[in-house]
Amino acid sequence: MIIKHSHQPTIKANQTLPTNQAFVTSQALKANIVKALVTMSLMFMGSQAMAGSSVNSILKQYYPTKYKGCMGVIVDDTGYCMQIDKQKTVDTKYGKRHYVVVSGTASFDKTYQEMAGYHAINGLVGMFVLKPDGNGWKIESAKAKMYAGSYGNGLKKWTLHRFATNTWGFLNEHSDAHQGFSGSHFVILTPNGRGGIDESWIGASFNDDSGLSECGERGKPVCDSIGATIKINRSRKVNGRYPLDLTVTGVMNGKKYNHKTYQAVYSKQGYQMPKNYPLEDIDY
């Protein structure tokens, strides 16, 4: 880049400037160079701001561990390889929001040795809500490390639903079995409006008639076998969110339920199981 100084006198070949004039010329040249550098820096910063961040670059900040090319993170001495399970952009009155849920599989230990999923190891999931930032995105709400899924496999095939007029969230079902008892929970992930994610677990099913439990014998002649369906009730709001209708069918502790409906409502800690809900305290 050539910087012209029209206000400076022309210098002829072999001409020596007076000392004070040379000093002034040098200072003016330095000042123009500084201005040019500052302008270039501001232009660069402006282009970076307009660029925003891609979804992957944001996720890598939360999962910075590299293992065999995967985007990973170590939690409680277990290394998980994370990948996007579902993402979708929705329109709200506040503008576009990009919802992302990631699922992680236990793949390596803290010494970076390969490992396979064990029954006792939970899967890992994370949820993020992004808002526009120039041509990219930035975080609005996030929770990167939540246990959901068994045998070291994070829950997959999440579905996105609207839980309030301008609030969306993800829904899935976690299931497992131990020593003759099997069961499941609905898992609901929603932004809490304070930069975080609410994680709500609501009992979905329970069964103890696998043959390994003691049900069907004299101590407990009737086995437990019960399940619930879930539906978002958009006819009203409680604490700013739509309630959840839980319809229960089956037998629990000798009591029969025939399509009995309960309602879970939202609080500051997420959705709460209703009073006397038969699947409230299941353990499996």
Protein backbone atom coordinates (compact mmCIF):
# COMPACT_ATOMS: atom_id res chain seq x y z
CA MET A 1 0.00 0.00 0.00
CA ILE A 2 1.43 3.42 -1.05
CA ILE A 3 0.61 6.33 1.24
CA LYS A 4 0.80 9.76 -0.43
CA HIS A 5 1.54 12.92 1.53
CA SER A 6 0.49 15.83 -0.66
CA HIS A 7 1.22 18.32 2.10
CA GLN A 8 4.92 17.33 2.30
CA PRO A 9 7.55 19.07 0.08
CA THR A 10 9.02 17.14 -2.85
CA ILE A 11 12.39 15.57 -2.02
CA LYS A 12 14.97 15.66 -4.79
CA ALA A 13 17.62 13.01 -5.27
CA ASN A 14 20.46 13.21 -2.75
CA GLN A 15 18.64 16.06 -0.97
CA THR A 16 18.93 16.05 2.81
CA LEU A 17 15.99 17.39 4.80
CA PRO A 18 16.54 19.69 7.73
CA THR A 19 16.49 17.71 10.97
CA ASN A 20 13.20 19.19 12.25
CA GLN A 21 11.48 18.71 8.89
CA ALA A 22 12.65 15.08 8.68
CA PHE A 23 11.25 14.47 12.18
CA VAL A 24 7.86 15.92 11.22
CA THR A 25 7.75 13.82 8.05
CA SER A 26 8.61 10.66 10.00
CA GLN A 27 5.92 11.31 12.61
CA ALA A 28 3.29 11.98 9.95
CA LEU A 29 4.21 8.74 8.19
CA LYS A 30 3.90 6.76 11.43
CA ALA A 31 0.55 8.34 12.20
CA ASN A 32 -0.83 7.39 8.78
CA ILE A 33 0.45 3.82 9.15
CA VAL A 34 -1.23 3.51 12.57
CA LYS A 35 -4.50 4.84 11.14
CA ALA A 36 -4.34 2.35 8.30
CA LEU A 37 -3.68 -0.55 10.69
CA VAL A 38 -6.53 0.50 12.97
CA THR A 39 -8.90 0.73 10.00
CA MET A 40 -7.89 -2.72 8.78
CA SER A 41 -8.33 -4.16 12.28
CA LEU A 42 -11.81 -2.67 12.61
CA MET A 43 -12.77 -4.00 9.20
CA PHE A 44 -11.58 -7.47 10.22
CA MET A 45 -13.44 -7.35 13.52
CA GLY A 46 -16.56 -6.21 11.72
CA SER A 47 -16.38 -9.07 9.25
CA GLN A 48 -15.93 -11.51 12.14
CA ALA A 49 -18.99 -10.10 13.91
CA MET A 50 -21.05 -10.40 10.75
CA ALA A 51 -19.87 -13.97 10.29
CA GLY A 52 -21.14 -15.12 13.70
CA SER A 53 -20.43 -18.75 14.66
CA SER A 54 -21.49 -21.99 13.05
CA VAL A 55 -23.38 -24.62 15.04
CA ASN A 56 -20.39 -26.98 15.02
CA SER A 57 -17.92 -24.33 16.19
CA ILE A 58 -20.22 -23.52 19.12
CA LEU A 59 -20.59 -27.19 20.09
CA LYS A 60 -16.84 -27.77 19.98
CA GLN A 61 -16.44 -25.19 22.76
CA TYR A 62 -18.52 -27.45 25.00
CA TYR A 63 -17.04 -30.73 23.73
CA PRO A 64 -13.35 -29.90 23.17
CA THR A 65 -11.83 -33.35 23.67
CA LYS A 66 -10.57 -34.99 20.50
CA TYR A 67 -10.70 -38.78 20.23
CA LYS A 68 -10.37 -40.59 16.90
CA GLY A 69 -11.87 -37.64 15.08
CA CYS A 70 -14.96 -37.33 17.24
CA MET A 71 -16.20 -34.29 19.14
CA GLY A 72 -15.74 -35.48 22.72
CA VAL A 73 -15.88 -34.69 26.40
CA ILE A 74 -14.83 -36.53 29.58
CA VAL A 75 -17.40 -36.69 32.40
CA ASP A 76 -16.72 -38.61 35.62
CA ASP A 77 -13.73 -40.41 34.04
CA THR A 78 -15.79 -41.54 31.04
CA GLY A 79 -15.16 -40.12 27.59
CA TYR A 80 -18.14 -39.55 25.32
CA CYS A 81 -18.21 -39.00 21.56
CA MET A 82 -20.96 -36.46 20.86
CA GLN A 83 -22.97 -35.91 17.71
CA ILE A 84 -26.01 -33.88 16.75
CA ASP A 85 -29.17 -35.96 17.01
CA LYS A 86 -31.67 -33.31 15.92
CA GLN A 87 -31.64 -29.61 15.07
CA LYS A 88 -34.28 -27.26 13.75
CA THR A 89 -34.81 -23.51 13.32
CA VAL A 90 -38.17 -22.13 14.50
CA ASP A 91 -39.78 -18.70 14.26
CA THR A 92 -40.76 -16.87 17.46
CA LYS A 93 -41.88 -13.32 18.20
CA TYR A 94 -38.30 -12.69 19.34
CA GLY A 95 -36.90 -13.82 16.00
CA LYS A 96 -35.48 -17.11 14.80
CA ARG A 97 -34.19 -19.66 17.31
CA HIS A 98 -32.15 -22.74 16.45
CA TYR A 99 -32.80 -25.76 18.69
CA VAL A 100 -30.12 -28.44 18.91
CA VAL A 101 -29.94 -31.69 20.90
CA VAL A 102 -26.78 -33.83 20.91
CA SER A 103 -26.30 -37.44 21.95
CA GLY A 104 -23.11 -39.00 23.33
CA THR A 105 -21.83 -42.57 23.45
CA ALA A 106 -19.33 -43.77 26.06
CA SER A 107 -16.29 -44.50 23.88
CA PHE A 108 -13.06 -43.98 25.87
CA ASP A 109 -11.79 -43.59 29.42
CA LYS A 110 -9.82 -40.78 31.05
CA THR A 111 -6.57 -42.26 29.73
CA TYR A 112 -7.99 -42.24 26.18
CA GLN A 113 -8.23 -46.02 26.04
CA GLU A 114 -11.12 -47.39 24.01
CA MET A 115 -14.06 -48.72 25.99
CA ALA A 116 -17.41 -50.28 25.22
CA GLY A 117 -20.69 -49.31 26.82
CA TYR A 118 -21.46 -51.07 30.07
CA HIS A 119 -24.90 -51.42 31.61
CA ALA A 120 -23.92 -49.31 34.61
CA ILE A 121 -22.74 -46.39 32.44
CA ASN A 122 -25.28 -43.76 31.47
CA GLY A 123 -25.48 -42.13 28.08
CA LEU A 124 -24.91 -38.37 27.77
CA VAL A 125 -27.01 -35.70 26.07
CA GLY A 126 -26.92 -31.92 25.72
CA MET A 127 -29.32 -29.24 24.54
CA PHE A 128 -28.69 -25.79 23.08
CA VAL A 129 -30.84 -22.90 21.94
CA LEU A 130 -29.08 -20.49 19.58
CA LYS A 131 -30.11 -17.02 18.44
CA PRO A 132 -28.93 -15.11 15.37
CA ASP A 133 -25.58 -13.34 15.49
CA GLY A 134 -24.76 -11.68 12.19
CA ASN A 135 -24.69 -14.46 9.62
CA GLY A 136 -24.24 -17.11 12.30
CA TRP A 137 -25.40 -18.01 15.80
CA LYS A 138 -24.64 -17.48 19.46
CA ILE A 139 -25.80 -19.21 22.65
CA GLU A 140 -29.04 -18.17 24.31
CA SER A 141 -29.61 -21.26 26.49
CA ALA A 142 -27.47 -24.33 27.05
CA LYS A 143 -26.88 -27.41 29.17
CA ALA A 144 -24.16 -29.57 27.69
CA LYS A 145 -23.99 -32.52 30.10
CA MET A 146 -27.08 -34.47 31.15
CA TYR A 147 -27.32 -38.20 31.72
CA ALA A 148 -30.02 -39.94 29.67
CA GLY A 149 -29.81 -43.35 28.05
CA SER A 150 -28.50 -46.73 29.20
CA TYR A 151 -25.58 -49.02 28.32
CA GLY A 152 -23.44 -45.93 27.69
CA ASN A 153 -25.62 -44.76 24.81
CA GLY A 154 -27.18 -41.30 24.91
CA LEU A 155 -30.84 -41.12 23.94
CA LYS A 156 -31.43 -40.70 20.23
CA LYS A 157 -34.39 -39.85 17.98
CA TRP A 158 -35.51 -36.84 20.01
CA THR A 159 -38.65 -35.02 18.87
CA LEU A 160 -39.15 -31.24 19.00
CA HIS A 161 -42.40 -29.82 20.41
CA ARG A 162 -43.88 -26.45 21.35
CA PHE A 163 -44.33 -26.14 25.13
CA ALA A 164 -45.41 -22.46 25.13
CA THR A 165 -46.27 -19.84 22.53
CA ASN A 166 -42.60 -19.02 21.89
CA THR A 167 -40.86 -21.89 23.69
CA TRP A 168 -39.94 -25.23 22.18
CA GLY A 169 -38.26 -28.26 23.66
CA PHE A 170 -37.23 -31.86 23.09
CA LEU A 171 -39.02 -35.03 24.23
CA ASN A 172 -37.79 -38.60 24.49
CA GLU A 173 -38.22 -41.73 26.62
CA HIS A 174 -35.45 -43.29 28.73
CA SER A 175 -35.82 -46.98 29.59
CA ASP A 176 -33.82 -49.61 31.44
CA ALA A 177 -34.15 -52.89 33.36
CA HIS A 178 -32.50 -54.37 36.46
CA GLN A 179 -33.09 -57.63 38.31
CA GLY A 180 -36.56 -58.29 36.97
CA PHE A 181 -37.79 -54.70 37.09
CA SER A 182 -38.16 -52.66 33.92
CA GLY A 183 -39.43 -49.17 33.42
CA SER A 184 -39.13 -45.87 31.61
CA HIS A 185 -39.38 -42.11 32.07
CA PHE A 186 -40.40 -39.35 29.71
CA VAL A 187 -37.48 -36.91 29.43
CA ILE A 188 -38.36 -33.31 28.58
CA LEU A 189 -35.73 -30.64 27.87
CA THR A 190 -36.86 -27.01 27.67
CA PRO A 191 -35.09 -23.61 27.97
CA ASN A 192 -35.80 -21.96 31.32
CA GLY A 193 -35.51 -18.33 30.20
CA ARG A 194 -32.45 -17.78 32.39
CA GLY A 195 -29.80 -19.13 30.03
CA GLY A 196 -30.16 -22.74 31.16
CA ILE A 197 -32.15 -25.85 30.31
CA ASP A 198 -34.78 -27.53 32.49
CA GLU A 199 -34.54 -31.31 32.61
CA SER A 200 -37.87 -32.95 33.55
CA TRP A 201 -38.29 -36.69 34.20
CA ILE A 202 -41.83 -38.10 34.42
CA GLY A 203 -42.64 -41.76 35.00
CA ALA A 204 -43.84 -43.46 31.82
CA SER A 205 -43.98 -47.24 32.49
CA PHE A 206 -43.17 -49.95 35.02
CA ASN A 207 -43.25 -53.74 34.95
CA ASP A 208 -42.09 -56.38 37.43
CA ASP A 209 -43.44 -59.56 35.83
CA SER A 210 -40.27 -60.62 34.02
CA GLY A 211 -39.98 -63.82 36.06
CA LEU A 212 -37.00 -62.64 38.09
CA SER A 213 -39.07 -60.66 40.60
CA GLU A 214 -41.26 -62.14 43.34
CA CYS A 215 -44.57 -60.88 41.96
CA GLY A 216 -47.24 -63.53 41.30
CA GLU A 217 -46.31 -65.30 44.53
CA ARG A 218 -47.98 -65.28 47.93
CA GLY A 219 -46.31 -62.05 49.06
CA LYS A 220 -47.45 -60.20 45.96
CA PRO A 221 -50.06 -62.12 44.01
CA VAL A 222 -50.58 -59.43 41.36
CA CYS A 223 -47.69 -58.14 39.27
CA ASP A 224 -47.26 -54.47 38.39
CA SER A 225 -47.71 -53.65 34.72
CA ILE A 226 -48.56 -50.05 33.96
CA GLY A 227 -47.89 -47.40 31.36
CA ALA A 228 -48.74 -43.81 30.46
CA THR A 229 -49.11 -41.75 27.33
CA ILE A 230 -48.19 -38.07 27.18
CA LYS A 231 -49.90 -35.21 25.37
CA ILE A 232 -49.22 -31.46 25.45
CA ASN A 233 -52.43 -29.64 26.44
CA ARG A 234 -52.39 -26.33 24.56
CA SER A 235 -55.82 -25.20 25.78
CA ARG A 236 -54.28 -23.24 28.69
CA LYS A 237 -51.00 -22.30 30.37
CA VAL A 238 -49.73 -22.79 33.91
CA ASN A 239 -46.72 -20.67 34.91
CA GLY A 240 -46.23 -19.76 31.27
CA ARG A 241 -46.13 -23.30 29.88
CA TYR A 242 -48.67 -25.76 28.51
CA PRO A 243 -49.55 -28.58 30.95
CA LEU A 244 -48.93 -32.23 30.08
CA ASP A 245 -51.80 -34.72 30.09
CA LEU A 246 -50.67 -38.15 31.31
CA THR A 247 -53.14 -40.97 30.63
CA VAL A 248 -52.43 -44.09 32.71
CA THR A 249 -53.52 -47.67 32.04
CA GLY A 250 -52.59 -50.86 33.92
CA VAL A 251 -52.07 -52.22 37.43
CA MET A 252 -49.86 -50.77 40.17
CA ASN A 253 -49.73 -52.06 43.77
CA GLY A 254 -52.90 -54.04 43.14
CA LYS A 255 -54.86 -51.01 41.91
CA LYS A 256 -56.25 -50.91 38.39
CA TYR A 257 -56.11 -47.80 36.23
CA ASN A 258 -58.24 -47.54 33.10
CA HIS A 259 -57.23 -44.53 31.04
CA LYS A 260 -57.06 -42.28 34.08
CA THR A 261 -55.65 -38.85 33.22
CA TYR A 262 -53.30 -36.80 35.40
CA GLN A 263 -51.78 -33.41 34.61
CA ALA A 264 -48.16 -32.34 35.06
CA VAL A 265 -47.61 -28.58 35.31
CA TYR A 266 -44.51 -26.44 34.93
CA SER A 267 -42.58 -24.80 37.77
CA LYS A 268 -39.19 -23.10 38.05
CA GLN A 269 -37.60 -26.56 38.32
CA GLY A 270 -39.31 -27.89 35.20
CA TYR A 271 -42.39 -30.08 34.85
CA GLN A 272 -43.50 -31.74 38.09
CA MET A 273 -45.27 -35.08 38.42
CA PRO A 274 -48.84 -34.66 39.65
CA LYS A 275 -50.01 -35.56 43.14
CA ASN A 276 -50.86 -39.27 43.61
CA TYR A 277 -49.43 -40.09 40.20
CA PRO A 278 -48.95 -43.90 40.26
CA LEU A 279 -45.66 -43.74 38.33
CA GLU A 280 -44.08 -41.09 40.55
CA ASP A 281 -41.66 -43.24 42.56
CA ILE A 282 -40.80 -46.07 40.17
CA ASP A 283 -37.34 -47.60 40.41
CA TYR A 284 -35.91 -49.98 37.86
